[in-house]
Amino acid sequence: MSHPSPLPLLVLHGLRLKGFADVSTLAATSGAEPVSIELTLGELHGRGFVHLPGSGSLGWALTRDGRSENERLLHLELELLGARSHVEAAYRRFLGINQELRSLCTDWQVRGDALNDHDDVEYDESVIARLGSLHRRARPVCVELSTRLARFGRYERRLAAALDKVRDGDGGWFTQPLIDSYHTVWFELHEDLLATLGIDRTAEASHL
């Protein structure tokens, strides 16, 4: 059965993945109502786990204690569910696709020694077709993860939405930062897997 993570974990985790986020962003990534996000942020702020840096215009962020609490809750959840081996297996499948996605993003942005000006429709369509093929292999990884941890189900929907926008002619949804582009969502999925399993990115090669 798929386990819904508690809202405090989702909020802390959302801030870890985003760096900075406002209430609407956290509501979108967690699936919770904005009023519930506001109440949870207030509770976490009172415990010293989140803060509003500077003027607060960038949104909420984790404190050092908040990051530690996020790691503690992730570890506790994974162990209580007995889901570590399940997530590790999905993570290994993810790594088998990850390098291909990185190459695809490079091919979308660069052709030879120059930036891709996207004037060659045939070339762009070939890269988009490859992204579609990759997505068909990535989708089962997200589905597999979501059978144990419900929060991973949102990645498949967000990746599919970005792919649809690229196919509809808005190429920014391939790699553009600061929106839910395919690359942005993929990067967050990668970070989520690393954080959930307690893996340091610098040591990731040992898991290949």
N, C-alpha and C. Protein backbone atom coordinates (compact mmCIF):
# COMPACT_ATOMS: atom_id res chain seq x y z
N MET A 1 0.84 -1.19 0.00
CA MET A 1 0.00 0.00 0.00
C MET A 1 0.88 1.24 0.00
N SER A 2 0.47 2.25 -0.77
CA SER A 2 1.25 3.48 -0.87
C SER A 2 1.08 4.31 0.40
N HIS A 3 2.18 4.76 0.94
CA HIS A 3 2.17 5.51 2.21
C HIS A 3 2.19 7.01 1.94
N PRO A 4 1.19 7.76 2.47
CA PRO A 4 1.23 9.21 2.34
C PRO A 4 2.12 9.82 3.42
N SER A 5 3.16 10.51 3.02
CA SER A 5 4.07 11.13 3.99
C SER A 5 3.34 12.22 4.76
N PRO A 6 3.63 12.39 6.06
CA PRO A 6 2.99 13.44 6.84
C PRO A 6 3.38 14.83 6.32
N LEU A 7 2.47 15.78 6.50
CA LEU A 7 2.67 17.10 5.92
C LEU A 7 3.94 17.81 6.42
N PRO A 8 4.30 17.73 7.70
CA PRO A 8 5.56 18.37 8.11
C PRO A 8 6.76 17.85 7.32
N LEU A 9 6.80 16.55 7.06
CA LEU A 9 7.89 16.00 6.25
C LEU A 9 7.83 16.55 4.83
N LEU A 10 6.63 16.60 4.24
CA LEU A 10 6.50 17.09 2.87
C LEU A 10 6.93 18.54 2.74
N VAL A 11 6.60 19.35 3.75
CA VAL A 11 6.98 20.77 3.70
C VAL A 11 8.49 20.92 3.85
N LEU A 12 9.06 20.24 4.83
CA LEU A 12 10.52 20.30 5.01
C LEU A 12 11.23 19.79 3.76
N HIS A 13 10.71 18.70 3.23
CA HIS A 13 11.35 18.08 2.07
C HIS A 13 11.21 18.97 0.84
N GLY A 14 10.05 19.59 0.68
CA GLY A 14 9.85 20.50 -0.43
C GLY A 14 10.83 21.66 -0.39
N LEU A 15 11.09 22.18 0.80
CA LEU A 15 12.05 23.27 0.93
C LEU A 15 13.47 22.79 0.67
N ARG A 16 13.76 21.58 1.05
CA ARG A 16 15.10 21.05 0.74
C ARG A 16 15.30 20.94 -0.77
N LEU A 17 14.29 20.47 -1.48
CA LEU A 17 14.41 20.28 -2.92
C LEU A 17 14.39 21.60 -3.68
N LYS A 18 13.60 22.57 -3.20
CA LYS A 18 13.46 23.84 -3.91
C LYS A 18 14.51 24.87 -3.49
N GLY A 19 15.00 24.76 -2.26
CA GLY A 19 15.89 25.79 -1.74
C GLY A 19 15.11 26.89 -1.07
N PHE A 20 14.26 27.56 -1.83
CA PHE A 20 13.33 28.57 -1.33
C PHE A 20 11.97 28.29 -1.95
N ALA A 21 10.90 28.51 -1.20
CA ALA A 21 9.57 28.27 -1.76
C ALA A 21 8.53 29.04 -0.96
N ASP A 22 7.49 29.51 -1.68
CA ASP A 22 6.37 30.15 -1.01
C ASP A 22 5.26 29.13 -0.78
N VAL A 23 4.17 29.61 -0.18
CA VAL A 23 3.08 28.70 0.18
C VAL A 23 2.48 28.02 -1.05
N SER A 24 2.26 28.78 -2.11
CA SER A 24 1.63 28.20 -3.30
C SER A 24 2.51 27.12 -3.94
N THR A 25 3.81 27.34 -3.95
CA THR A 25 4.73 26.33 -4.51
C THR A 25 4.71 25.07 -3.67
N LEU A 26 4.74 25.22 -2.35
CA LEU A 26 4.73 24.05 -1.47
C LEU A 26 3.39 23.31 -1.57
N ALA A 27 2.31 24.06 -1.76
CA ALA A 27 1.01 23.42 -1.93
C ALA A 27 0.98 22.60 -3.22
N ALA A 28 1.56 23.15 -4.29
CA ALA A 28 1.56 22.45 -5.57
C ALA A 28 2.41 21.19 -5.53
N THR A 29 3.57 21.27 -4.87
CA THR A 29 4.46 20.11 -4.86
C THR A 29 4.02 19.04 -3.86
N SER A 30 3.28 19.43 -2.83
CA SER A 30 2.85 18.47 -1.80
C SER A 30 1.45 17.93 -2.04
N GLY A 31 0.64 18.69 -2.78
CA GLY A 31 -0.74 18.30 -2.98
C GLY A 31 -1.66 18.72 -1.85
N ALA A 32 -1.13 19.50 -0.88
CA ALA A 32 -1.93 19.94 0.26
C ALA A 32 -2.57 21.30 -0.01
N GLU A 33 -3.57 21.64 0.76
CA GLU A 33 -4.23 22.94 0.64
C GLU A 33 -3.31 24.04 1.20
N PRO A 34 -3.34 25.23 0.59
CA PRO A 34 -2.48 26.32 1.07
C PRO A 34 -2.66 26.63 2.55
N VAL A 35 -3.90 26.57 3.04
CA VAL A 35 -4.11 26.89 4.46
C VAL A 35 -3.40 25.87 5.34
N SER A 36 -3.35 24.62 4.92
CA SER A 36 -2.64 23.59 5.69
C SER A 36 -1.13 23.83 5.65
N ILE A 37 -0.64 24.28 4.50
CA ILE A 37 0.78 24.61 4.37
C ILE A 37 1.13 25.76 5.30
N GLU A 38 0.29 26.79 5.34
CA GLU A 38 0.56 27.94 6.21
C GLU A 38 0.62 27.53 7.67
N LEU A 39 -0.32 26.71 8.09
CA LEU A 39 -0.33 26.25 9.49
C LEU A 39 0.91 25.42 9.80
N THR A 40 1.29 24.56 8.88
CA THR A 40 2.47 23.71 9.09
C THR A 40 3.74 24.54 9.13
N LEU A 41 3.85 25.53 8.25
CA LEU A 41 5.02 26.41 8.27
C LEU A 41 5.10 27.16 9.59
N GLY A 42 3.96 27.59 10.11
CA GLY A 42 3.96 28.28 11.40
C GLY A 42 4.48 27.38 12.51
N GLU A 43 4.04 26.13 12.50
CA GLU A 43 4.51 25.18 13.51
C GLU A 43 6.01 24.91 13.36
N LEU A 44 6.45 24.72 12.14
CA LEU A 44 7.88 24.43 11.90
C LEU A 44 8.74 25.64 12.23
N HIS A 45 8.21 26.83 11.95
CA HIS A 45 8.95 28.04 12.30
C HIS A 45 9.11 28.17 13.81
N GLY A 46 8.06 27.83 14.53
CA GLY A 46 8.12 27.89 15.98
C GLY A 46 9.12 26.91 16.57
N ARG A 47 9.42 25.85 15.84
CA ARG A 47 10.39 24.85 16.30
C ARG A 47 11.80 25.13 15.76
N GLY A 48 11.93 26.21 15.00
CA GLY A 48 13.25 26.60 14.49
C GLY A 48 13.71 25.83 13.28
N PHE A 49 12.76 25.21 12.56
CA PHE A 49 13.14 24.39 11.41
C PHE A 49 13.07 25.14 10.08
N VAL A 50 12.32 26.24 10.02
CA VAL A 50 12.22 27.03 8.79
C VAL A 50 12.31 28.51 9.15
N HIS A 51 12.69 29.31 8.16
CA HIS A 51 12.75 30.76 8.38
C HIS A 51 12.50 31.47 7.06
N LEU A 52 12.29 32.79 7.17
CA LEU A 52 12.12 33.64 5.99
C LEU A 52 13.38 34.49 5.87
N PRO A 53 14.32 34.11 5.01
CA PRO A 53 15.58 34.86 4.89
C PRO A 53 15.35 36.27 4.35
N GLY A 54 16.14 37.20 4.83
CA GLY A 54 16.11 38.56 4.33
C GLY A 54 14.73 39.18 4.42
N SER A 55 14.27 39.74 3.32
CA SER A 55 12.95 40.37 3.28
C SER A 55 11.82 39.35 3.16
N GLY A 56 12.18 38.11 2.89
CA GLY A 56 11.17 37.08 2.73
C GLY A 56 10.63 36.97 1.32
N SER A 57 11.16 37.78 0.41
CA SER A 57 10.63 37.79 -0.96
C SER A 57 10.91 36.49 -1.71
N LEU A 58 11.95 35.76 -1.28
CA LEU A 58 12.27 34.49 -1.94
C LEU A 58 11.44 33.33 -1.41
N GLY A 59 10.77 33.58 -0.29
CA GLY A 59 9.97 32.52 0.32
C GLY A 59 10.67 31.91 1.52
N TRP A 60 10.16 30.78 1.96
CA TRP A 60 10.67 30.07 3.13
C TRP A 60 11.88 29.23 2.76
N ALA A 61 12.70 28.95 3.77
CA ALA A 61 13.88 28.11 3.58
C ALA A 61 14.11 27.30 4.85
N LEU A 62 14.87 26.22 4.72
CA LEU A 62 15.24 25.41 5.87
C LEU A 62 16.33 26.08 6.68
N THR A 63 16.28 25.90 7.99
CA THR A 63 17.43 26.20 8.83
C THR A 63 18.32 24.95 8.87
N ARG A 64 19.46 25.06 9.50
CA ARG A 64 20.32 23.88 9.64
C ARG A 64 19.60 22.78 10.42
N ASP A 65 18.90 23.19 11.49
CA ASP A 65 18.13 22.20 12.26
C ASP A 65 17.01 21.60 11.43
N GLY A 66 16.43 22.42 10.54
CA GLY A 66 15.36 21.93 9.68
C GLY A 66 15.86 20.87 8.71
N ARG A 67 17.04 21.07 8.17
CA ARG A 67 17.61 20.08 7.28
C ARG A 67 17.87 18.76 8.03
N SER A 68 18.38 18.87 9.25
CA SER A 68 18.62 17.67 10.05
C SER A 68 17.31 16.96 10.37
N GLU A 69 16.26 17.74 10.66
CA GLU A 69 14.96 17.14 10.97
C GLU A 69 14.39 16.45 9.74
N ASN A 70 14.55 17.06 8.58
CA ASN A 70 14.10 16.44 7.33
C ASN A 70 14.80 15.09 7.14
N GLU A 71 16.10 15.06 7.34
CA GLU A 71 16.85 13.81 7.18
C GLU A 71 16.40 12.77 8.19
N ARG A 72 16.12 13.20 9.41
CA ARG A 72 15.67 12.27 10.45
C ARG A 72 14.32 11.66 10.07
N LEU A 73 13.39 12.50 9.62
CA LEU A 73 12.05 12.02 9.26
C LEU A 73 12.09 11.10 8.05
N LEU A 74 12.94 11.43 7.06
CA LEU A 74 13.06 10.57 5.89
C LEU A 74 13.58 9.19 6.28
N HIS A 75 14.60 9.17 7.12
CA HIS A 75 15.18 7.90 7.56
C HIS A 75 14.15 7.10 8.36
N LEU A 76 13.44 7.78 9.26
CA LEU A 76 12.44 7.10 10.09
C LEU A 76 11.33 6.51 9.23
N GLU A 77 10.84 7.29 8.28
CA GLU A 77 9.77 6.82 7.41
C GLU A 77 10.21 5.59 6.62
N LEU A 78 11.40 5.65 6.04
CA LEU A 78 11.89 4.56 5.21
C LEU A 78 12.04 3.28 6.02
N GLU A 79 12.57 3.40 7.24
CA GLU A 79 12.79 2.22 8.07
C GLU A 79 11.48 1.66 8.61
N LEU A 80 10.54 2.53 9.01
CA LEU A 80 9.26 2.05 9.53
C LEU A 80 8.47 1.30 8.47
N LEU A 81 8.59 1.75 7.22
CA LEU A 81 7.89 1.10 6.13
C LEU A 81 8.62 -0.15 5.62
N GLY A 82 9.88 -0.29 6.00
CA GLY A 82 10.68 -1.39 5.47
C GLY A 82 10.85 -1.28 3.97
N ALA A 83 10.98 -0.03 3.49
CA ALA A 83 10.97 0.22 2.04
C ALA A 83 12.35 0.51 1.46
N ARG A 84 13.40 0.37 2.24
CA ARG A 84 14.72 0.75 1.72
C ARG A 84 15.11 -0.05 0.48
N SER A 85 14.96 -1.36 0.52
CA SER A 85 15.38 -2.16 -0.63
C SER A 85 14.55 -1.82 -1.87
N HIS A 86 13.29 -1.51 -1.66
CA HIS A 86 12.40 -1.14 -2.77
C HIS A 86 12.87 0.16 -3.42
N VAL A 87 13.18 1.16 -2.59
CA VAL A 87 13.63 2.45 -3.11
C VAL A 87 15.01 2.32 -3.74
N GLU A 88 15.88 1.53 -3.13
CA GLU A 88 17.22 1.34 -3.70
C GLU A 88 17.15 0.71 -5.09
N ALA A 89 16.26 -0.25 -5.27
CA ALA A 89 16.12 -0.90 -6.59
C ALA A 89 15.64 0.10 -7.63
N ALA A 90 14.68 0.95 -7.26
CA ALA A 90 14.19 1.98 -8.18
C ALA A 90 15.27 3.01 -8.47
N TYR A 91 16.05 3.33 -7.46
CA TYR A 91 17.15 4.29 -7.63
C TYR A 91 18.18 3.78 -8.63
N ARG A 92 18.50 2.50 -8.57
CA ARG A 92 19.45 1.94 -9.53
C ARG A 92 18.90 2.01 -10.95
N ARG A 93 17.61 1.80 -11.10
CA ARG A 93 16.99 1.94 -12.42
C ARG A 93 17.04 3.39 -12.88
N PHE A 94 16.82 4.30 -11.96
CA PHE A 94 16.90 5.73 -12.28
C PHE A 94 18.28 6.09 -12.79
N LEU A 95 19.32 5.60 -12.10
CA LEU A 95 20.68 5.92 -12.51
C LEU A 95 20.97 5.40 -13.92
N GLY A 96 20.33 4.30 -14.29
CA GLY A 96 20.53 3.77 -15.63
C GLY A 96 20.00 4.67 -16.72
N ILE A 97 19.10 5.59 -16.34
CA ILE A 97 18.49 6.52 -17.30
C ILE A 97 19.08 7.92 -17.16
N ASN A 98 19.62 8.23 -16.01
CA ASN A 98 20.02 9.60 -15.68
C ASN A 98 21.04 10.19 -16.66
N GLN A 99 22.07 9.44 -16.99
CA GLN A 99 23.10 9.96 -17.88
C GLN A 99 22.52 10.26 -19.26
N GLU A 100 21.59 9.44 -19.68
CA GLU A 100 20.94 9.68 -20.98
C GLU A 100 20.16 10.99 -20.96
N LEU A 101 19.48 11.27 -19.86
CA LEU A 101 18.74 12.53 -19.76
C LEU A 101 19.69 13.72 -19.81
N ARG A 102 20.81 13.60 -19.13
CA ARG A 102 21.80 14.68 -19.15
C ARG A 102 22.31 14.93 -20.57
N SER A 103 22.56 13.86 -21.30
CA SER A 103 23.01 14.00 -22.69
C SER A 103 21.94 14.64 -23.56
N LEU A 104 20.68 14.26 -23.32
CA LEU A 104 19.58 14.83 -24.07
C LEU A 104 19.47 16.33 -23.83
N CYS A 105 19.62 16.76 -22.58
CA CYS A 105 19.54 18.18 -22.26
C CYS A 105 20.66 18.95 -22.97
N THR A 106 21.86 18.35 -23.00
CA THR A 106 22.97 18.99 -23.72
C THR A 106 22.66 19.09 -25.20
N ASP A 107 22.12 18.02 -25.78
CA ASP A 107 21.80 18.03 -27.21
C ASP A 107 20.71 19.05 -27.53
N TRP A 108 19.83 19.31 -26.57
CA TRP A 108 18.77 20.30 -26.78
C TRP A 108 19.35 21.71 -26.76
N GLN A 109 20.36 21.92 -25.95
CA GLN A 109 20.90 23.27 -25.76
C GLN A 109 22.05 23.59 -26.70
N VAL A 110 22.80 22.56 -27.13
CA VAL A 110 24.03 22.79 -27.89
C VAL A 110 24.06 21.87 -29.11
N ARG A 111 24.53 22.43 -30.24
CA ARG A 111 24.79 21.62 -31.44
C ARG A 111 26.23 21.87 -31.87
N GLY A 112 27.03 20.83 -31.78
CA GLY A 112 28.44 21.02 -32.10
C GLY A 112 29.10 21.96 -31.12
N ASP A 113 29.68 23.05 -31.63
CA ASP A 113 30.36 24.02 -30.77
C ASP A 113 29.53 25.26 -30.52
N ALA A 114 28.26 25.26 -30.92
CA ALA A 114 27.43 26.45 -30.81
C ALA A 114 26.13 26.14 -30.08
N LEU A 115 25.52 27.19 -29.53
CA LEU A 115 24.22 27.02 -28.91
C LEU A 115 23.19 26.64 -29.97
N ASN A 116 22.27 25.81 -29.58
CA ASN A 116 21.19 25.42 -30.48
C ASN A 116 20.20 26.59 -30.61
N ASP A 117 20.08 27.15 -31.82
CA ASP A 117 19.16 28.27 -32.01
C ASP A 117 17.74 27.79 -32.34
N HIS A 118 17.56 26.49 -32.39
CA HIS A 118 16.25 25.85 -32.59
C HIS A 118 15.61 26.23 -33.93
N ASP A 119 16.44 26.58 -34.90
CA ASP A 119 15.93 26.86 -36.25
C ASP A 119 15.72 25.58 -37.06
N ASP A 120 16.42 24.52 -36.65
CA ASP A 120 16.31 23.25 -37.36
C ASP A 120 15.21 22.41 -36.71
N VAL A 121 14.02 22.49 -37.28
CA VAL A 121 12.86 21.82 -36.69
C VAL A 121 13.06 20.31 -36.66
N GLU A 122 13.64 19.77 -37.70
CA GLU A 122 13.84 18.32 -37.77
C GLU A 122 14.77 17.84 -36.65
N TYR A 123 15.83 18.61 -36.41
CA TYR A 123 16.76 18.24 -35.33
C TYR A 123 16.04 18.28 -33.99
N ASP A 124 15.32 19.37 -33.71
CA ASP A 124 14.63 19.49 -32.43
C ASP A 124 13.61 18.36 -32.25
N GLU A 125 12.90 18.04 -33.31
CA GLU A 125 11.91 16.97 -33.21
C GLU A 125 12.56 15.63 -32.90
N SER A 126 13.78 15.42 -33.41
CA SER A 126 14.47 14.16 -33.11
C SER A 126 14.86 14.08 -31.64
N VAL A 127 15.26 15.22 -31.05
CA VAL A 127 15.62 15.24 -29.63
C VAL A 127 14.37 15.05 -28.78
N ILE A 128 13.27 15.68 -29.17
CA ILE A 128 12.01 15.52 -28.43
C ILE A 128 11.53 14.08 -28.49
N ALA A 129 11.70 13.45 -29.64
CA ALA A 129 11.32 12.03 -29.77
C ALA A 129 12.14 11.17 -28.82
N ARG A 130 13.41 11.48 -28.69
CA ARG A 130 14.26 10.73 -27.76
C ARG A 130 13.83 10.96 -26.32
N LEU A 131 13.40 12.20 -26.02
CA LEU A 131 12.90 12.48 -24.68
C LEU A 131 11.64 11.67 -24.41
N GLY A 132 10.77 11.56 -25.41
CA GLY A 132 9.57 10.75 -25.24
C GLY A 132 9.90 9.29 -24.96
N SER A 133 10.91 8.78 -25.66
CA SER A 133 11.34 7.40 -25.43
C SER A 133 11.89 7.23 -24.02
N LEU A 134 12.69 8.18 -23.58
CA LEU A 134 13.23 8.14 -22.23
C LEU A 134 12.11 8.18 -21.20
N HIS A 135 11.13 9.03 -21.44
CA HIS A 135 10.02 9.17 -20.48
C HIS A 135 9.26 7.85 -20.33
N ARG A 136 9.11 7.12 -21.41
CA ARG A 136 8.40 5.83 -21.33
C ARG A 136 9.14 4.85 -20.43
N ARG A 137 10.46 5.01 -20.34
CA ARG A 137 11.25 4.13 -19.46
C ARG A 137 11.34 4.69 -18.04
N ALA A 138 11.23 6.02 -17.92
CA ALA A 138 11.30 6.65 -16.59
C ALA A 138 9.99 6.52 -15.83
N ARG A 139 8.88 6.52 -16.55
CA ARG A 139 7.57 6.48 -15.89
C ARG A 139 7.43 5.28 -14.96
N PRO A 140 7.80 4.06 -15.37
CA PRO A 140 7.65 2.92 -14.45
C PRO A 140 8.48 3.06 -13.17
N VAL A 141 9.60 3.80 -13.23
CA VAL A 141 10.40 4.02 -12.02
C VAL A 141 9.61 4.84 -11.02
N CYS A 142 8.96 5.91 -11.50
CA CYS A 142 8.15 6.74 -10.61
C CYS A 142 6.96 5.95 -10.06
N VAL A 143 6.34 5.17 -10.92
CA VAL A 143 5.19 4.37 -10.49
C VAL A 143 5.62 3.35 -9.43
N GLU A 144 6.76 2.72 -9.67
CA GLU A 144 7.28 1.73 -8.71
C GLU A 144 7.55 2.38 -7.36
N LEU A 145 8.15 3.56 -7.37
CA LEU A 145 8.41 4.27 -6.13
C LEU A 145 7.12 4.65 -5.41
N SER A 146 6.13 5.08 -6.19
CA SER A 146 4.88 5.57 -5.59
C SER A 146 4.06 4.45 -4.97
N THR A 147 4.34 3.20 -5.31
CA THR A 147 3.60 2.10 -4.68
C THR A 147 3.94 1.97 -3.20
N ARG A 148 5.06 2.54 -2.78
CA ARG A 148 5.44 2.51 -1.37
C ARG A 148 5.40 3.90 -0.74
N LEU A 149 5.81 4.92 -1.48
CA LEU A 149 5.83 6.28 -0.98
C LEU A 149 5.04 7.17 -1.94
N ALA A 150 3.87 7.60 -1.50
CA ALA A 150 2.95 8.30 -2.41
C ALA A 150 3.54 9.56 -3.01
N ARG A 151 4.44 10.23 -2.30
CA ARG A 151 4.95 11.51 -2.81
C ARG A 151 5.67 11.36 -4.15
N PHE A 152 6.20 10.18 -4.44
CA PHE A 152 6.90 9.99 -5.71
C PHE A 152 5.96 9.96 -6.90
N GLY A 153 4.67 9.75 -6.66
CA GLY A 153 3.72 9.74 -7.75
C GLY A 153 3.59 11.08 -8.45
N ARG A 154 3.85 12.16 -7.73
CA ARG A 154 3.72 13.49 -8.32
C ARG A 154 4.80 13.75 -9.36
N TYR A 155 5.92 13.08 -9.27
CA TYR A 155 6.99 13.30 -10.25
C TYR A 155 6.55 12.84 -11.65
N GLU A 156 5.88 11.70 -11.72
CA GLU A 156 5.45 11.22 -13.03
C GLU A 156 4.50 12.22 -13.68
N ARG A 157 3.56 12.75 -12.89
CA ARG A 157 2.60 13.71 -13.44
C ARG A 157 3.29 15.00 -13.87
N ARG A 158 4.26 15.46 -13.09
CA ARG A 158 4.96 16.70 -13.44
C ARG A 158 5.86 16.51 -14.66
N LEU A 159 6.53 15.37 -14.74
CA LEU A 159 7.36 15.08 -15.92
C LEU A 159 6.49 14.98 -17.17
N ALA A 160 5.35 14.30 -17.06
CA ALA A 160 4.46 14.16 -18.21
C ALA A 160 3.93 15.51 -18.66
N ALA A 161 3.61 16.39 -17.70
CA ALA A 161 3.10 17.72 -18.05
C ALA A 161 4.16 18.54 -18.78
N ALA A 162 5.41 18.45 -18.32
CA ALA A 162 6.50 19.17 -18.99
C ALA A 162 6.71 18.63 -20.40
N LEU A 163 6.69 17.32 -20.55
CA LEU A 163 6.87 16.71 -21.87
C LEU A 163 5.76 17.15 -22.83
N ASP A 164 4.54 17.21 -22.34
CA ASP A 164 3.42 17.64 -23.18
C ASP A 164 3.63 19.07 -23.67
N LYS A 165 4.14 19.94 -22.81
CA LYS A 165 4.37 21.33 -23.21
C LYS A 165 5.48 21.42 -24.25
N VAL A 166 6.52 20.62 -24.09
CA VAL A 166 7.59 20.60 -25.10
C VAL A 166 7.04 20.12 -26.43
N ARG A 167 6.26 19.07 -26.40
CA ARG A 167 5.68 18.54 -27.64
C ARG A 167 4.73 19.54 -28.30
N ASP A 168 4.13 20.40 -27.47
CA ASP A 168 3.20 21.41 -28.00
C ASP A 168 3.93 22.63 -28.55
N GLY A 169 5.26 22.62 -28.49
CA GLY A 169 6.03 23.69 -29.10
C GLY A 169 6.69 24.68 -28.17
N ASP A 170 6.54 24.50 -26.85
CA ASP A 170 7.18 25.41 -25.90
C ASP A 170 8.45 24.75 -25.38
N GLY A 171 9.57 24.98 -26.08
CA GLY A 171 10.82 24.32 -25.76
C GLY A 171 11.41 24.67 -24.42
N GLY A 172 10.96 25.78 -23.81
CA GLY A 172 11.47 26.15 -22.50
C GLY A 172 11.20 25.10 -21.45
N TRP A 173 10.16 24.28 -21.68
CA TRP A 173 9.81 23.27 -20.69
C TRP A 173 10.69 22.04 -20.76
N PHE A 174 11.70 22.08 -21.63
CA PHE A 174 12.70 21.00 -21.69
C PHE A 174 13.74 21.21 -20.59
N THR A 175 14.39 22.37 -20.56
CA THR A 175 15.53 22.56 -19.64
C THR A 175 15.50 23.86 -18.86
N GLN A 176 14.52 24.71 -19.08
CA GLN A 176 14.56 26.04 -18.44
C GLN A 176 14.48 25.94 -16.93
N PRO A 177 15.31 26.68 -16.21
CA PRO A 177 15.24 26.67 -14.74
C PRO A 177 14.09 27.53 -14.24
N LEU A 178 13.78 27.39 -12.96
CA LEU A 178 12.78 28.20 -12.26
C LEU A 178 11.34 27.92 -12.69
N ILE A 179 11.12 26.97 -13.57
CA ILE A 179 9.79 26.45 -13.87
C ILE A 179 9.86 24.94 -13.76
N ASP A 180 8.70 24.29 -13.82
CA ASP A 180 8.68 22.82 -13.73
C ASP A 180 9.03 22.18 -15.06
N SER A 181 10.18 22.58 -15.64
CA SER A 181 10.64 21.95 -16.87
C SER A 181 11.00 20.49 -16.61
N TYR A 182 11.18 19.73 -17.67
CA TYR A 182 11.52 18.31 -17.51
C TYR A 182 12.81 18.18 -16.71
N HIS A 183 13.80 19.01 -17.03
CA HIS A 183 15.07 18.93 -16.32
C HIS A 183 14.92 19.31 -14.86
N THR A 184 14.13 20.35 -14.57
CA THR A 184 13.93 20.77 -13.18
C THR A 184 13.30 19.67 -12.36
N VAL A 185 12.24 19.06 -12.88
CA VAL A 185 11.54 18.00 -12.15
C VAL A 185 12.45 16.78 -12.00
N TRP A 186 13.19 16.45 -13.05
CA TRP A 186 14.11 15.31 -12.99
C TRP A 186 15.18 15.54 -11.93
N PHE A 187 15.71 16.76 -11.87
CA PHE A 187 16.72 17.09 -10.87
C PHE A 187 16.14 16.92 -9.46
N GLU A 188 14.90 17.37 -9.25
CA GLU A 188 14.28 17.23 -7.93
C GLU A 188 14.05 15.75 -7.59
N LEU A 189 13.65 14.95 -8.58
CA LEU A 189 13.49 13.51 -8.35
C LEU A 189 14.82 12.90 -7.93
N HIS A 190 15.89 13.29 -8.60
CA HIS A 190 17.22 12.79 -8.27
C HIS A 190 17.58 13.16 -6.83
N GLU A 191 17.38 14.43 -6.48
CA GLU A 191 17.69 14.89 -5.13
C GLU A 191 16.82 14.17 -4.09
N ASP A 192 15.56 13.92 -4.45
CA ASP A 192 14.66 13.23 -3.53
C ASP A 192 15.17 11.81 -3.24
N LEU A 193 15.60 11.13 -4.28
CA LEU A 193 16.14 9.78 -4.09
C LEU A 193 17.40 9.79 -3.23
N LEU A 194 18.29 10.73 -3.51
CA LEU A 194 19.52 10.82 -2.72
C LEU A 194 19.20 11.10 -1.25
N ALA A 195 18.29 12.06 -1.03
CA ALA A 195 17.95 12.42 0.35
C ALA A 195 17.24 11.28 1.06
N THR A 196 16.33 10.62 0.38
CA THR A 196 15.57 9.53 0.99
C THR A 196 16.48 8.39 1.41
N LEU A 197 17.47 8.10 0.59
CA LEU A 197 18.39 6.99 0.87
C LEU A 197 19.61 7.43 1.68
N GLY A 198 19.74 8.74 1.92
CA GLY A 198 20.89 9.23 2.69
C GLY A 198 22.20 9.08 1.96
N ILE A 199 22.17 9.28 0.63
CA ILE A 199 23.36 9.14 -0.20
C ILE A 199 23.95 10.51 -0.50
N ASP A 200 25.24 10.65 -0.29
CA ASP A 200 25.95 11.87 -0.68
C ASP A 200 26.19 11.83 -2.18
N ARG A 201 25.86 12.92 -2.86
CA ARG A 201 26.01 12.95 -4.32
C ARG A 201 27.44 12.63 -4.75
N THR A 202 28.43 13.05 -3.94
CA THR A 202 29.83 12.81 -4.32
C THR A 202 30.18 11.32 -4.27
N ALA A 203 29.37 10.53 -3.54
CA ALA A 203 29.63 9.09 -3.43
C ALA A 203 28.71 8.28 -4.33
N GLU A 204 27.99 8.97 -5.21
CA GLU A 204 26.97 8.27 -6.00
C GLU A 204 27.56 7.24 -6.96
N ALA A 205 28.76 7.48 -7.44
CA ALA A 205 29.36 6.56 -8.41
C ALA A 205 29.44 5.14 -7.87
N SER A 206 29.54 4.99 -6.56
CA SER A 206 29.65 3.65 -5.98
C SER A 206 28.36 2.87 -6.09
N HIS A 207 27.26 3.55 -6.45
CA HIS A 207 25.97 2.87 -6.56
C HIS A 207 25.64 2.49 -7.99
N LEU A 208 26.52 2.85 -8.93
CA LEU A 208 26.28 2.51 -10.34
C LEU A 208 26.50 1.02 -10.58
